[in-house]
Amino acid sequence: MDGNSWDVNFYPFSAGGEGRLLFISAVPENELLADAIALKHKLILVGIILLLLMIPISLLLSRAISRPIRLLAKEADNIREFNLHQFSYVNSHIREISILNLALSRLQKTIAAFTAYIPRGFG
């Protein structure tokens, strides 16, 4: 009706006599569901706001994780090139990155110890 959907219900009942009565209720759906529709709109808005807040947070978090990994990759390249004169320790709260940092440091020290006895032009 008038472009609106209506929720119509029929309830038969008896008033004590022989005749049967029929109770009909008709409510426009936009009035019936007004609170639910408003709540849905609020939840969608909150979801969009949270999504917009999480994008920069996730970018910062991913950079905080990837930076030590990039530094360790650079140190691995230095070891591959036999640039063993310095090793940069990478500080990270991630246990696996700290373990890899320690392993690369030990590798650098081991190769530096061997290269002290082997001529550079060998091979």
PDB file of N, CA and C in Angstrom:
ATOM      1  N   MET A   1       0.826  -1.166   0.000  1.00  0.00           N
ATOM      2  CA  MET A   1       0.000   0.000   0.000  1.00  0.00           C
ATOM      3  C   MET A   1       0.887   1.252   0.000  1.00  0.00           C
ATOM      4  N   ASP A   2       0.718   2.123  -0.905  1.00  0.00           N
ATOM      5  CA  ASP A   2       1.497   3.357  -1.028  1.00  0.00           C
ATOM      6  C   ASP A   2       2.996   3.074  -1.076  1.00  0.00           C
ATOM      7  N   GLY A   3       3.392   1.941  -1.614  1.00  0.00           N
ATOM      8  CA  GLY A   3       4.806   1.591  -1.720  1.00  0.00           C
ATOM      9  C   GLY A   3       5.402   1.042  -0.441  1.00  0.00           C
ATOM     10  N   ASN A   4       4.614   0.874   0.602  1.00  0.00           N
ATOM     11  CA  ASN A   4       5.098   0.330   1.872  1.00  0.00           C
ATOM     12  C   ASN A   4       4.599  -1.096   2.044  1.00  0.00           C
ATOM     13  N   SER A   5       5.428  -1.921   2.655  1.00  0.00           N
ATOM     14  CA  SER A   5       5.014  -3.279   2.993  1.00  0.00           C
ATOM     15  C   SER A   5       4.333  -3.250   4.354  1.00  0.00           C
ATOM     16  N   TRP A   6       3.340  -4.075   4.484  1.00  0.00           N
ATOM     17  CA  TRP A   6       2.585  -4.140   5.729  1.00  0.00           C
ATOM     18  C   TRP A   6       2.672  -5.563   6.282  1.00  0.00           C
ATOM     19  N   ASP A   7       2.682  -5.662   7.599  1.00  0.00           N
ATOM     20  CA  ASP A   7       2.614  -6.952   8.270  1.00  0.00           C
ATOM     21  C   ASP A   7       1.168  -7.132   8.718  1.00  0.00           C
ATOM     22  N   VAL A   8       0.493  -8.095   8.106  1.00  0.00           N
ATOM     23  CA  VAL A   8      -0.929  -8.318   8.379  1.00  0.00           C
ATOM     24  C   VAL A   8      -1.080  -9.682   9.032  1.00  0.00           C
ATOM     25  N   ASN A   9      -1.802  -9.717  10.154  1.00  0.00           N
ATOM     26  CA  ASN A   9      -2.061 -10.964  10.870  1.00  0.00           C
ATOM     27  C   ASN A   9      -3.553 -11.088  11.138  1.00  0.00           C
ATOM     28  N   PHE A  10      -4.031 -12.334  11.070  1.00  0.00           N
ATOM     29  CA  PHE A  10      -5.440 -12.639  11.331  1.00  0.00           C
ATOM     30  C   PHE A  10      -5.507 -13.548  12.546  1.00  0.00           C
ATOM     31  N   TYR A  11      -6.350 -13.176  13.518  1.00  0.00           N
ATOM     32  CA  TYR A  11      -6.496 -13.958  14.748  1.00  0.00           C
ATOM     33  C   TYR A  11      -7.985 -14.258  14.967  1.00  0.00           C
ATOM     34  N   PRO A  12      -8.415 -15.483  14.702  1.00  0.00           N
ATOM     35  CA  PRO A  12      -9.827 -15.817  14.979  1.00  0.00           C
ATOM     36  C   PRO A  12     -10.032 -16.013  16.490  1.00  0.00           C
ATOM     37  N   PHE A  13     -11.159 -15.568  17.003  1.00  0.00           N
ATOM     38  CA  PHE A  13     -11.480 -15.805  18.407  1.00  0.00           C
ATOM     39  C   PHE A  13     -12.986 -15.823  18.578  1.00  0.00           C
ATOM     40  N   SER A  14     -13.390 -16.358  19.703  1.00  0.00           N
ATOM     41  CA  SER A  14     -14.817 -16.464  20.011  1.00  0.00           C
ATOM     42  C   SER A  14     -15.117 -15.534  21.173  1.00  0.00           C
ATOM     43  N   ALA A  15     -16.248 -14.829  21.092  1.00  0.00           N
ATOM     44  CA  ALA A  15     -16.628 -13.892  22.138  1.00  0.00           C
ATOM     45  C   ALA A  15     -17.654 -14.513  23.082  1.00  0.00           C
ATOM     46  N   GLY A  16     -17.838 -15.816  23.034  1.00  0.00           N
ATOM     47  CA  GLY A  16     -18.770 -16.496  23.919  1.00  0.00           C
ATOM     48  C   GLY A  16     -20.072 -16.870  23.241  1.00  0.00           C
ATOM     49  N   GLY A  17     -20.373 -16.348  22.112  1.00  0.00           N
ATOM     50  CA  GLY A  17     -21.597 -16.689  21.399  1.00  0.00           C
ATOM     51  C   GLY A  17     -21.300 -17.660  20.275  1.00  0.00           C
ATOM     52  N   GLU A  18     -22.312 -17.800  19.443  1.00  0.00           N
ATOM     53  CA  GLU A  18     -22.135 -18.714  18.323  1.00  0.00           C
ATOM     54  C   GLU A  18     -21.304 -18.108  17.201  1.00  0.00           C
ATOM     55  N   GLY A  19     -21.236 -16.855  17.110  1.00  0.00           N
ATOM     56  CA  GLY A  19     -20.510 -16.213  16.028  1.00  0.00           C
ATOM     57  C   GLY A  19     -19.005 -16.199  16.288  1.00  0.00           C
ATOM     58  N   ARG A  20     -18.299 -16.329  15.238  1.00  0.00           N
ATOM     59  CA  ARG A  20     -16.830 -16.276  15.345  1.00  0.00           C
ATOM     60  C   ARG A  20     -16.375 -14.914  14.871  1.00  0.00           C
ATOM     61  N   LEU A  21     -15.454 -14.375  15.612  1.00  0.00           N
ATOM     62  CA  LEU A  21     -14.923 -13.064  15.268  1.00  0.00           C
ATOM     63  C   LEU A  21     -13.504 -13.232  14.741  1.00  0.00           C
ATOM     64  N   LEU A  22     -13.095 -12.267  14.020  1.00  0.00           N
ATOM     65  CA  LEU A  22     -11.755 -12.291  13.438  1.00  0.00           C
ATOM     66  C   LEU A  22     -11.082 -10.962  13.764  1.00  0.00           C
ATOM     67  N   PHE A  23      -9.962 -11.059  14.479  1.00  0.00           N
ATOM     68  CA  PHE A  23      -9.179  -9.860  14.797  1.00  0.00           C
ATOM     69  C   PHE A  23      -8.097  -9.735  13.732  1.00  0.00           C
ATOM     70  N   ILE A  24      -8.030  -8.582  13.109  1.00  0.00           N
ATOM     71  CA  ILE A  24      -7.037  -8.333  12.059  1.00  0.00           C
ATOM     72  C   ILE A  24      -6.147  -7.191  12.525  1.00  0.00           C
ATOM     73  N   SER A  25      -4.839  -7.431  12.453  1.00  0.00           N
ATOM     74  CA  SER A  25      -3.901  -6.345  12.747  1.00  0.00           C
ATOM     75  C   SER A  25      -3.058  -6.098  11.505  1.00  0.00           C
ATOM     76  N   ALA A  26      -2.897  -4.844  11.197  1.00  0.00           N
ATOM     77  CA  ALA A  26      -2.099  -4.443  10.037  1.00  0.00           C
ATOM     78  C   ALA A  26      -1.200  -3.298  10.471  1.00  0.00           C
ATOM     79  N   VAL A  27       0.108  -3.538  10.362  1.00  0.00           N
ATOM     80  CA  VAL A  27       1.087  -2.539  10.792  1.00  0.00           C
ATOM     81  C   VAL A  27       2.097  -2.353   9.665  1.00  0.00           C
ATOM     82  N   PRO A  28       2.402  -1.109   9.318  1.00  0.00           N
ATOM     83  CA  PRO A  28       3.443  -0.916   8.298  1.00  0.00           C
ATOM     84  C   PRO A  28       4.778  -1.472   8.804  1.00  0.00           C
ATOM     85  N   GLU A  29       5.490  -2.197   7.947  1.00  0.00           N
ATOM     86  CA  GLU A  29       6.752  -2.822   8.361  1.00  0.00           C
ATOM     87  C   GLU A  29       7.790  -1.786   8.791  1.00  0.00           C
ATOM     88  N   ASN A  30       7.793  -0.627   8.164  1.00  0.00           N
ATOM     89  CA  ASN A  30       8.794   0.375   8.557  1.00  0.00           C
ATOM     90  C   ASN A  30       8.539   0.886   9.978  1.00  0.00           C
ATOM     91  N   GLU A  31       7.295   0.878  10.448  1.00  0.00           N
ATOM     92  CA  GLU A  31       7.006   1.240  11.839  1.00  0.00           C
ATOM     93  C   GLU A  31       7.262   0.058  12.770  1.00  0.00           C
ATOM     94  N   LEU A  32       6.904  -1.130  12.327  1.00  0.00           N
ATOM     95  CA  LEU A  32       7.079  -2.324  13.142  1.00  0.00           C
ATOM     96  C   LEU A  32       8.555  -2.609  13.397  1.00  0.00           C
ATOM     97  N   LEU A  33       9.369  -2.395  12.394  1.00  0.00           N
ATOM     98  CA  LEU A  33      10.795  -2.720  12.479  1.00  0.00           C
ATOM     99  C   LEU A  33      11.675  -1.481  12.631  1.00  0.00           C
ATOM    100  N   ALA A  34      11.103  -0.357  13.025  1.00  0.00           N
ATOM    101  CA  ALA A  34      11.862   0.896  13.094  1.00  0.00           C
ATOM    102  C   ALA A  34      13.070   0.779  14.017  1.00  0.00           C
ATOM    103  N   ASP A  35      12.902   0.181  15.196  1.00  0.00           N
ATOM    104  CA  ASP A  35      14.033   0.040  16.123  1.00  0.00           C
ATOM    105  C   ASP A  35      15.100  -0.896  15.555  1.00  0.00           C
ATOM    106  N   ALA A  36      14.665  -1.979  14.939  1.00  0.00           N
ATOM    107  CA  ALA A  36      15.620  -2.924  14.359  1.00  0.00           C
ATOM    108  C   ALA A  36      16.370  -2.290  13.185  1.00  0.00           C
ATOM    109  N   ILE A  37      15.684  -1.512  12.393  1.00  0.00           N
ATOM    110  CA  ILE A  37      16.325  -0.844  11.249  1.00  0.00           C
ATOM    111  C   ILE A  37      17.328   0.195  11.753  1.00  0.00           C
ATOM    112  N   ALA A  38      16.954   0.947  12.799  1.00  0.00           N
ATOM    113  CA  ALA A  38      17.875   1.936  13.359  1.00  0.00           C
ATOM    114  C   ALA A  38      19.106   1.255  13.949  1.00  0.00           C
ATOM    115  N   LEU A  39      18.901   0.127  14.639  1.00  0.00           N
ATOM    116  CA  LEU A  39      20.022  -0.624  15.191  1.00  0.00           C
ATOM    117  C   LEU A  39      20.920  -1.167  14.080  1.00  0.00           C
ATOM    118  N   LYS A  40      20.316  -1.632  13.010  1.00  0.00           N
ATOM    119  CA  LYS A  40      21.102  -2.136  11.874  1.00  0.00           C
ATOM    120  C   LYS A  40      21.971  -1.028  11.290  1.00  0.00           C
ATOM    121  N   HIS A  41      21.406   0.159  11.137  1.00  0.00           N
ATOM    122  CA  HIS A  41      22.173   1.278  10.589  1.00  0.00           C
ATOM    123  C   HIS A  41      23.313   1.680  11.517  1.00  0.00           C
ATOM    124  N   LYS A  42      23.057   1.664  12.828  1.00  0.00           N
ATOM    125  CA  LYS A  42      24.112   1.981  13.789  1.00  0.00           C
ATOM    126  C   LYS A  42      25.228   0.942  13.743  1.00  0.00           C
ATOM    127  N   LEU A  43      24.851  -0.325  13.651  1.00  0.00           N
ATOM    128  CA  LEU A  43      25.861  -1.389  13.585  1.00  0.00           C
ATOM    129  C   LEU A  43      26.692  -1.302  12.310  1.00  0.00           C
ATOM    130  N   ILE A  44      26.065  -0.969  11.219  1.00  0.00           N
ATOM    131  CA  ILE A  44      26.808  -0.795   9.965  1.00  0.00           C
ATOM    132  C   ILE A  44      27.781   0.368  10.094  1.00  0.00           C
ATOM    133  N   LEU A  45      27.335   1.469  10.693  1.00  0.00           N
ATOM    134  CA  LEU A  45      28.205   2.629  10.882  1.00  0.00           C
ATOM    135  C   LEU A  45      29.383   2.286  11.794  1.00  0.00           C
ATOM    136  N   VAL A  46      29.118   1.593  12.894  1.00  0.00           N
ATOM    137  CA  VAL A  46      30.191   1.190  13.806  1.00  0.00           C
ATOM    138  C   VAL A  46      31.162   0.248  13.094  1.00  0.00           C
ATOM    139  N   GLY A  47      30.633  -0.668  12.293  1.00  0.00           N
ATOM    140  CA  GLY A  47      31.496  -1.579  11.537  1.00  0.00           C
ATOM    141  C   GLY A  47      32.400  -0.850  10.563  1.00  0.00           C
ATOM    142  N   ILE A  48      31.863   0.139   9.878  1.00  0.00           N
ATOM    143  CA  ILE A  48      32.665   0.917   8.927  1.00  0.00           C
ATOM    144  C   ILE A  48      33.744   1.712   9.663  1.00  0.00           C
ATOM    145  N   ILE A  49      33.368   2.311  10.801  1.00  0.00           N
ATOM    146  CA  ILE A  49      34.353   3.074  11.582  1.00  0.00           C
ATOM    147  C   ILE A  49      35.470   2.163  12.075  1.00  0.00           C
ATOM    148  N   LEU A  50      35.104   0.980  12.595  1.00  0.00           N
ATOM    149  CA  LEU A  50      36.123   0.036  13.062  1.00  0.00           C
ATOM    150  C   LEU A  50      37.025  -0.425  11.922  1.00  0.00           C
ATOM    151  N   LEU A  51      36.438  -0.663  10.763  1.00  0.00           N
ATOM    152  CA  LEU A  51      37.231  -1.059   9.603  1.00  0.00           C
ATOM    153  C   LEU A  51      38.211   0.039   9.223  1.00  0.00           C
ATOM    154  N   LEU A  52      37.749   1.284   9.211  1.00  0.00           N
ATOM    155  CA  LEU A  52      38.627   2.402   8.864  1.00  0.00           C
ATOM    156  C   LEU A  52      39.726   2.602   9.902  1.00  0.00           C
ATOM    157  N   LEU A  53      39.441   2.308  11.164  1.00  0.00           N
ATOM    158  CA  LEU A  53      40.467   2.400  12.202  1.00  0.00           C
ATOM    159  C   LEU A  53      41.467   1.253  12.115  1.00  0.00           C
ATOM    160  N   MET A  54      41.005   0.089  11.711  1.00  0.00           N
ATOM    161  CA  MET A  54      41.875  -1.082  11.670  1.00  0.00           C
ATOM    162  C   MET A  54      42.849  -1.048  10.488  1.00  0.00           C
ATOM    163  N   ILE A  55      42.518  -0.349   9.446  1.00  0.00           N
ATOM    164  CA  ILE A  55      43.423  -0.291   8.287  1.00  0.00           C
ATOM    165  C   ILE A  55      44.759   0.347   8.668  1.00  0.00           C
ATOM    166  N   PRO A  56      44.796   1.556   9.257  1.00  0.00           N
ATOM    167  CA  PRO A  56      46.111   2.103   9.620  1.00  0.00           C
ATOM    168  C   PRO A  56      46.797   1.306  10.726  1.00  0.00           C
ATOM    169  N   ILE A  57      46.021   0.757  11.653  1.00  0.00           N
ATOM    170  CA  ILE A  57      46.624  -0.048  12.719  1.00  0.00           C
ATOM    171  C   ILE A  57      47.287  -1.285  12.142  1.00  0.00           C
ATOM    172  N   SER A  58      46.621  -1.942  11.195  1.00  0.00           N
ATOM    173  CA  SER A  58      47.212  -3.136  10.585  1.00  0.00           C
ATOM    174  C   SER A  58      48.429  -2.782   9.730  1.00  0.00           C
ATOM    175  N   LEU A  59      48.407  -1.614   9.083  1.00  0.00           N
ATOM    176  CA  LEU A  59      49.578  -1.188   8.317  1.00  0.00           C
ATOM    177  C   LEU A  59      50.769  -0.933   9.236  1.00  0.00           C
ATOM    178  N   LEU A  60      50.522  -0.265  10.366  1.00  0.00           N
ATOM    179  CA  LEU A  60      51.609  -0.023  11.326  1.00  0.00           C
ATOM    180  C   LEU A  60      52.139  -1.327  11.902  1.00  0.00           C
ATOM    181  N   LEU A  61      51.247  -2.232  12.214  1.00  0.00           N
ATOM    182  CA  LEU A  61      51.660  -3.521  12.762  1.00  0.00           C
ATOM    183  C   LEU A  61      52.452  -4.331  11.744  1.00  0.00           C
ATOM    184  N   SER A  62      52.009  -4.329  10.502  1.00  0.00           N
ATOM    185  CA  SER A  62      52.740  -5.082   9.482  1.00  0.00           C
ATOM    186  C   SER A  62      54.114  -4.480   9.221  1.00  0.00           C
ATOM    187  N   ARG A  63      54.229  -3.164   9.279  1.00  0.00           N
ATOM    188  CA  ARG A  63      55.551  -2.531   9.129  1.00  0.00           C
ATOM    189  C   ARG A  63      56.451  -2.864  10.305  1.00  0.00           C
ATOM    190  N   ALA A  64      55.890  -2.895  11.508  1.00  0.00           N
ATOM    191  CA  ALA A  64      56.677  -3.234  12.695  1.00  0.00           C
ATOM    192  C   ALA A  64      57.187  -4.667  12.627  1.00  0.00           C
ATOM    193  N   ILE A  65      56.434  -5.538  11.990  1.00  0.00           N
ATOM    194  CA  ILE A  65      56.859  -6.930  11.845  1.00  0.00           C
ATOM    195  C   ILE A  65      57.826  -7.080  10.680  1.00  0.00           C
ATOM    196  N   SER A  66      57.567  -6.411   9.574  1.00  0.00           N
ATOM    197  CA  SER A  66      58.387  -6.609   8.381  1.00  0.00           C
ATOM    198  C   SER A  66      59.738  -5.903   8.456  1.00  0.00           C
ATOM    199  N   ARG A  67      59.838  -4.820   9.218  1.00  0.00           N
ATOM    200  CA  ARG A  67      61.106  -4.088   9.304  1.00  0.00           C
ATOM    201  C   ARG A  67      62.236  -4.973   9.830  1.00  0.00           C
ATOM    202  N   PRO A  68      62.072  -5.669  10.959  1.00  0.00           N
ATOM    203  CA  PRO A  68      63.162  -6.540  11.411  1.00  0.00           C
ATOM    204  C   PRO A  68      63.473  -7.664  10.417  1.00  0.00           C
ATOM    205  N   ILE A  69      62.474  -8.152   9.731  1.00  0.00           N
ATOM    206  CA  ILE A  69      62.706  -9.210   8.748  1.00  0.00           C
ATOM    207  C   ILE A  69      63.543  -8.681   7.591  1.00  0.00           C
ATOM    208  N   ARG A  70      63.247  -7.466   7.141  1.00  0.00           N
ATOM    209  CA  ARG A  70      64.059  -6.861   6.073  1.00  0.00           C
ATOM    210  C   ARG A  70      65.496  -6.646   6.531  1.00  0.00           C
ATOM    211  N   LEU A  71      65.678  -6.195   7.774  1.00  0.00           N
ATOM    212  CA  LEU A  71      67.034  -5.996   8.300  1.00  0.00           C
ATOM    213  C   LEU A  71      67.788  -7.332   8.386  1.00  0.00           C
ATOM    214  N   LEU A  72      67.117  -8.376   8.792  1.00  0.00           N
ATOM    215  CA  LEU A  72      67.758  -9.693   8.837  1.00  0.00           C
ATOM    216  C   LEU A  72      68.103 -10.196   7.432  1.00  0.00           C
ATOM    217  N   ALA A  73      67.249  -9.912   6.479  1.00  0.00           N
ATOM    218  CA  ALA A  73      67.553 -10.286   5.091  1.00  0.00           C
ATOM    219  C   ALA A  73      68.788  -9.537   4.598  1.00  0.00           C
ATOM    220  N   LYS A  74      68.921  -8.272   4.984  1.00  0.00           N
ATOM    221  CA  LYS A  74      70.107  -7.495   4.616  1.00  0.00           C
ATOM    222  C   LYS A  74      71.354  -8.097   5.259  1.00  0.00           C
ATOM    223  N   GLU A  75      71.251  -8.501   6.525  1.00  0.00           N
ATOM    224  CA  GLU A  75      72.386  -9.126   7.200  1.00  0.00           C
ATOM    225  C   GLU A  75      72.748 -10.455   6.538  1.00  0.00           C
ATOM    226  N   ALA A  76      71.758 -11.207   6.107  1.00  0.00           N
ATOM    227  CA  ALA A  76      72.026 -12.463   5.397  1.00  0.00           C
ATOM    228  C   ALA A  76      72.751 -12.183   4.077  1.00  0.00           C
ATOM    229  N   ASP A  77      72.355 -11.125   3.382  1.00  0.00           N
ATOM    230  CA  ASP A  77      73.058 -10.738   2.155  1.00  0.00           C
ATOM    231  C   ASP A  77      74.500 -10.330   2.457  1.00  0.00           C
ATOM    232  N   ASN A  78      74.719  -9.613   3.555  1.00  0.00           N
ATOM    233  CA  ASN A  78      76.084  -9.236   3.939  1.00  0.00           C
ATOM    234  C   ASN A  78      76.937 -10.477   4.203  1.00  0.00           C
ATOM    235  N   ILE A  79      76.353 -11.463   4.858  1.00  0.00           N
ATOM    236  CA  ILE A  79      77.093 -12.710   5.109  1.00  0.00           C
ATOM    237  C   ILE A  79      77.394 -13.412   3.791  1.00  0.00           C
ATOM    238  N   ARG A  80      76.420 -13.438   2.885  1.00  0.00           N
ATOM    239  CA  ARG A  80      76.625 -14.069   1.577  1.00  0.00           C
ATOM    240  C   ARG A  80      77.753 -13.389   0.813  1.00  0.00           C
ATOM    241  N   GLU A  81      77.862 -12.074   0.951  1.00  0.00           N
ATOM    242  CA  GLU A  81      78.899 -11.309   0.266  1.00  0.00           C
ATOM    243  C   GLU A  81      80.204 -11.252   1.068  1.00  0.00           C
ATOM    244  N   PHE A  82      80.254 -11.932   2.192  1.00  0.00           N
ATOM    245  CA  PHE A  82      81.421 -11.946   3.088  1.00  0.00           C
ATOM    246  C   PHE A  82      81.755 -10.560   3.628  1.00  0.00           C
ATOM    247  N   ASN A  83      80.748  -9.714   3.803  1.00  0.00           N
ATOM    248  CA  ASN A  83      80.913  -8.447   4.510  1.00  0.00           C
ATOM    249  C   ASN A  83      80.694  -8.752   5.993  1.00  0.00           C
ATOM    250  N   LEU A  84      81.754  -9.213   6.633  1.00  0.00           N
ATOM    251  CA  LEU A  84      81.631  -9.739   7.987  1.00  0.00           C
ATOM    252  C   LEU A  84      82.146  -8.790   9.054  1.00  0.00           C
ATOM    253  N   HIS A  85      82.522  -7.593   8.672  1.00  0.00           N
ATOM    254  CA  HIS A  85      83.146  -6.677   9.614  1.00  0.00           C
ATOM    255  C   HIS A  85      82.173  -6.146  10.668  1.00  0.00           C
ATOM    256  N   GLN A  86      80.890  -6.119  10.373  1.00  0.00           N
ATOM    257  CA  GLN A  86      79.924  -5.646  11.371  1.00  0.00           C
ATOM    258  C   GLN A  86      78.639  -6.438  11.236  1.00  0.00           C
ATOM    259  N   PHE A  87      77.954  -6.560  12.340  1.00  0.00           N
ATOM    260  CA  PHE A  87      76.651  -7.230  12.345  1.00  0.00           C
ATOM    261  C   PHE A  87      75.700  -6.373  13.156  1.00  0.00           C
ATOM    262  N   SER A  88      74.590  -6.018  12.574  1.00  0.00           N
ATOM    263  CA  SER A  88      73.592  -5.197  13.269  1.00  0.00           C
ATOM    264  C   SER A  88      72.601  -6.105  13.985  1.00  0.00           C
ATOM    265  N   TYR A  89      72.513  -5.943  15.272  1.00  0.00           N
ATOM    266  CA  TYR A  89      71.531  -6.719  16.023  1.00  0.00           C
ATOM    267  C   TYR A  89      70.155  -6.104  15.827  1.00  0.00           C
ATOM    268  N   VAL A  90      69.204  -6.960  15.564  1.00  0.00           N
ATOM    269  CA  VAL A  90      67.838  -6.527  15.305  1.00  0.00           C
ATOM    270  C   VAL A  90      67.018  -6.775  16.566  1.00  0.00           C
ATOM    271  N   ASN A  91      66.451  -5.720  17.103  1.00  0.00           N
ATOM    272  CA  ASN A  91      65.588  -5.852  18.276  1.00  0.00           C
ATOM    273  C   ASN A  91      64.167  -6.140  17.822  1.00  0.00           C
ATOM    274  N   SER A  92      63.600  -7.202  18.377  1.00  0.00           N
ATOM    275  CA  SER A  92      62.231  -7.546  18.040  1.00  0.00           C
ATOM    276  C   SER A  92      61.588  -8.255  19.223  1.00  0.00           C
ATOM    277  N   HIS A  93      60.311  -8.009  19.396  1.00  0.00           N
ATOM    278  CA  HIS A  93      59.558  -8.696  20.439  1.00  0.00           C
ATOM    279  C   HIS A  93      59.044 -10.046  19.944  1.00  0.00           C
ATOM    280  N   ILE A  94      59.258 -10.314  18.683  1.00  0.00           N
ATOM    281  CA  ILE A  94      58.824 -11.588  18.110  1.00  0.00           C
ATOM    282  C   ILE A  94      59.941 -12.604  18.327  1.00  0.00           C
ATOM    283  N   ARG A  95      59.608 -13.676  18.995  1.00  0.00           N
ATOM    284  CA  ARG A  95      60.610 -14.663  19.415  1.00  0.00           C
ATOM    285  C   ARG A  95      61.359 -15.260  18.224  1.00  0.00           C
ATOM    286  N   GLU A  96      60.664 -15.609  17.181  1.00  0.00           N
ATOM    287  CA  GLU A  96      61.288 -16.252  16.023  1.00  0.00           C
ATOM    288  C   GLU A  96      62.294 -15.324  15.346  1.00  0.00           C
ATOM    289  N   ILE A  97      61.987 -14.033  15.298  1.00  0.00           N
ATOM    290  CA  ILE A  97      62.916 -13.078  14.696  1.00  0.00           C
ATOM    291  C   ILE A  97      64.163 -12.961  15.560  1.00  0.00           C
ATOM    292  N   SER A  98      63.991 -12.960  16.877  1.00  0.00           N
ATOM    293  CA  SER A  98      65.152 -12.907  17.779  1.00  0.00           C
ATOM    294  C   SER A  98      66.016 -14.155  17.633  1.00  0.00           C
ATOM    295  N   ILE A  99      65.390 -15.312  17.478  1.00  0.00           N
ATOM    296  CA  ILE A  99      66.133 -16.558  17.285  1.00  0.00           C
ATOM    297  C   ILE A  99      66.901 -16.515  15.970  1.00  0.00           C
ATOM    298  N   LEU A 100      66.251 -16.040  14.906  1.00  0.00           N
ATOM    299  CA  LEU A 100      66.928 -15.928  13.612  1.00  0.00           C
ATOM    300  C   LEU A 100      68.073 -14.928  13.688  1.00  0.00           C
ATOM    301  N   ASN A 101      67.894 -13.836  14.405  1.00  0.00           N
ATOM    302  CA  ASN A 101      68.954 -12.848  14.580  1.00  0.00           C
ATOM    303  C   ASN A 101      70.164 -13.482  15.268  1.00  0.00           C
ATOM    304  N   LEU A 102      69.929 -14.270  16.310  1.00  0.00           N
ATOM    305  CA  LEU A 102      71.010 -14.938  17.024  1.00  0.00           C
ATOM    306  C   LEU A 102      71.717 -15.952  16.118  1.00  0.00           C
ATOM    307  N   ALA A 103      70.946 -16.695  15.329  1.00  0.00           N
ATOM    308  CA  ALA A 103      71.536 -17.681  14.421  1.00  0.00           C
ATOM    309  C   ALA A 103      72.403 -16.998  13.359  1.00  0.00           C
ATOM    310  N   LEU A 104      71.934 -15.888  12.799  1.00  0.00           N
ATOM    311  CA  LEU A 104      72.722 -15.169  11.801  1.00  0.00           C
ATOM    312  C   LEU A 104      73.984 -14.573  12.418  1.00  0.00           C
ATOM    313  N   SER A 105      73.893 -14.098  13.636  1.00  0.00           N
ATOM    314  CA  SER A 105      75.065 -13.567  14.323  1.00  0.00           C
ATOM    315  C   SER A 105      76.109 -14.657  14.530  1.00  0.00           C
ATOM    316  N   ARG A 106      75.657 -15.830  14.942  1.00  0.00           N
ATOM    317  CA  ARG A 106      76.591 -16.948  15.135  1.00  0.00           C
ATOM    318  C   ARG A 106      77.196 -17.394  13.804  1.00  0.00           C
ATOM    319  N   LEU A 107      76.385 -17.400  12.761  1.00  0.00           N
ATOM    320  CA  LEU A 107      76.892 -17.757  11.432  1.00  0.00           C
ATOM    321  C   LEU A 107      77.956 -16.768  10.987  1.00  0.00           C
ATOM    322  N   GLN A 108      77.687 -15.473  11.183  1.00  0.00           N
ATOM    323  CA  GLN A 108      78.645 -14.437  10.804  1.00  0.00           C
ATOM    324  C   GLN A 108      79.958 -14.617  11.557  1.00  0.00           C
ATOM    325  N   LYS A 109      79.887 -14.893  12.844  1.00  0.00           N
ATOM    326  CA  LYS A 109      81.099 -15.071  13.646  1.00  0.00           C
ATOM    327  C   LYS A 109      81.858 -16.327  13.228  1.00  0.00           C
ATOM    328  N   THR A 110      81.138 -17.396  12.912  1.00  0.00           N
ATOM    329  CA  THR A 110      81.777 -18.640  12.477  1.00  0.00           C
ATOM    330  C   THR A 110      82.482 -18.440  11.145  1.00  0.00           C
ATOM    331  N   ILE A 111      81.814 -17.803  10.195  1.00  0.00           N
ATOM    332  CA  ILE A 111      82.436 -17.571   8.880  1.00  0.00           C
ATOM    333  C   ILE A 111      83.609 -16.617   9.027  1.00  0.00           C
ATOM    334  N   ALA A 112      83.493 -15.612   9.880  1.00  0.00           N
ATOM    335  CA  ALA A 112      84.602 -14.674  10.099  1.00  0.00           C
ATOM    336  C   ALA A 112      85.808 -15.408  10.676  1.00  0.00           C
ATOM    337  N   ALA A 113      85.581 -16.368  11.567  1.00  0.00           N
ATOM    338  CA  ALA A 113      86.681 -17.144  12.145  1.00  0.00           C
ATOM    339  C   ALA A 113      87.357 -17.994  11.076  1.00  0.00           C
ATOM    340  N   PHE A 114      86.599 -18.598  10.178  1.00  0.00           N
ATOM    341  CA  PHE A 114      87.189 -19.418   9.118  1.00  0.00           C
ATOM    342  C   PHE A 114      87.910 -18.577   8.083  1.00  0.00           C
ATOM    343  N   THR A 115      87.359 -17.417   7.747  1.00  0.00           N
ATOM    344  CA  THR A 115      87.971 -16.589   6.715  1.00  0.00           C
ATOM    345  C   THR A 115      89.282 -15.966   7.201  1.00  0.00           C
ATOM    346  N   ALA A 116      89.519 -15.974   8.493  1.00  0.00           N
ATOM    347  CA  ALA A 116      90.803 -15.469   9.017  1.00  0.00           C
ATOM    348  C   ALA A 116      91.948 -16.383   8.583  1.00  0.00           C
ATOM    349  N   TYR A 117      91.656 -17.646   8.280  1.00  0.00           N
ATOM    350  CA  TYR A 117      92.682 -18.621   7.907  1.00  0.00           C
ATOM    351  C   TYR A 117      92.646 -18.991   6.447  1.00  0.00           C
ATOM    352  N   ILE A 118      91.662 -18.525   5.715  1.00  0.00           N
ATOM    353  CA  ILE A 118      91.542 -18.853   4.290  1.00  0.00           C
ATOM    354  C   ILE A 118      91.735 -17.580   3.483  1.00  0.00           C
ATOM    355  N   PRO A 119      92.602 -17.626   2.451  1.00  0.00           N
ATOM    356  CA  PRO A 119      92.810 -16.442   1.613  1.00  0.00           C
ATOM    357  C   PRO A 119      91.515 -16.043   0.894  1.00  0.00           C
ATOM    358  N   ARG A 120      91.299 -14.758   0.684  1.00  0.00           N
ATOM    359  CA  ARG A 120      90.064 -14.237   0.065  1.00  0.00           C
ATOM    360  C   ARG A 120      89.898 -14.689  -1.389  1.00  0.00           C
ATOM    361  N   GLY A 121      90.952 -14.827  -2.119  1.00  0.00           N
ATOM    362  CA  GLY A 121      90.873 -15.199  -3.534  1.00  0.00           C
ATOM    363  C   GLY A 121      90.715 -16.695  -3.750  1.00  0.00           C
ATOM    364  N   PHE A 122      90.543 -17.457  -2.703  1.00  0.00           N
ATOM    365  CA  PHE A 122      90.448 -18.915  -2.799  1.00  0.00           C
ATOM    366  C   PHE A 122      89.091 -19.297  -3.342  1.00  0.00           C
ATOM    367  N   GLY A 123      89.092 -20.244  -4.290  1.00  0.00           N
ATOM    368  CA  GLY A 123      87.835 -20.776  -4.750  1.00  0.00           C
ATOM    369  C   GLY A 123      87.578 -20.406  -6.123  1.00  0.00           C
TER     370      GLY A 123
END
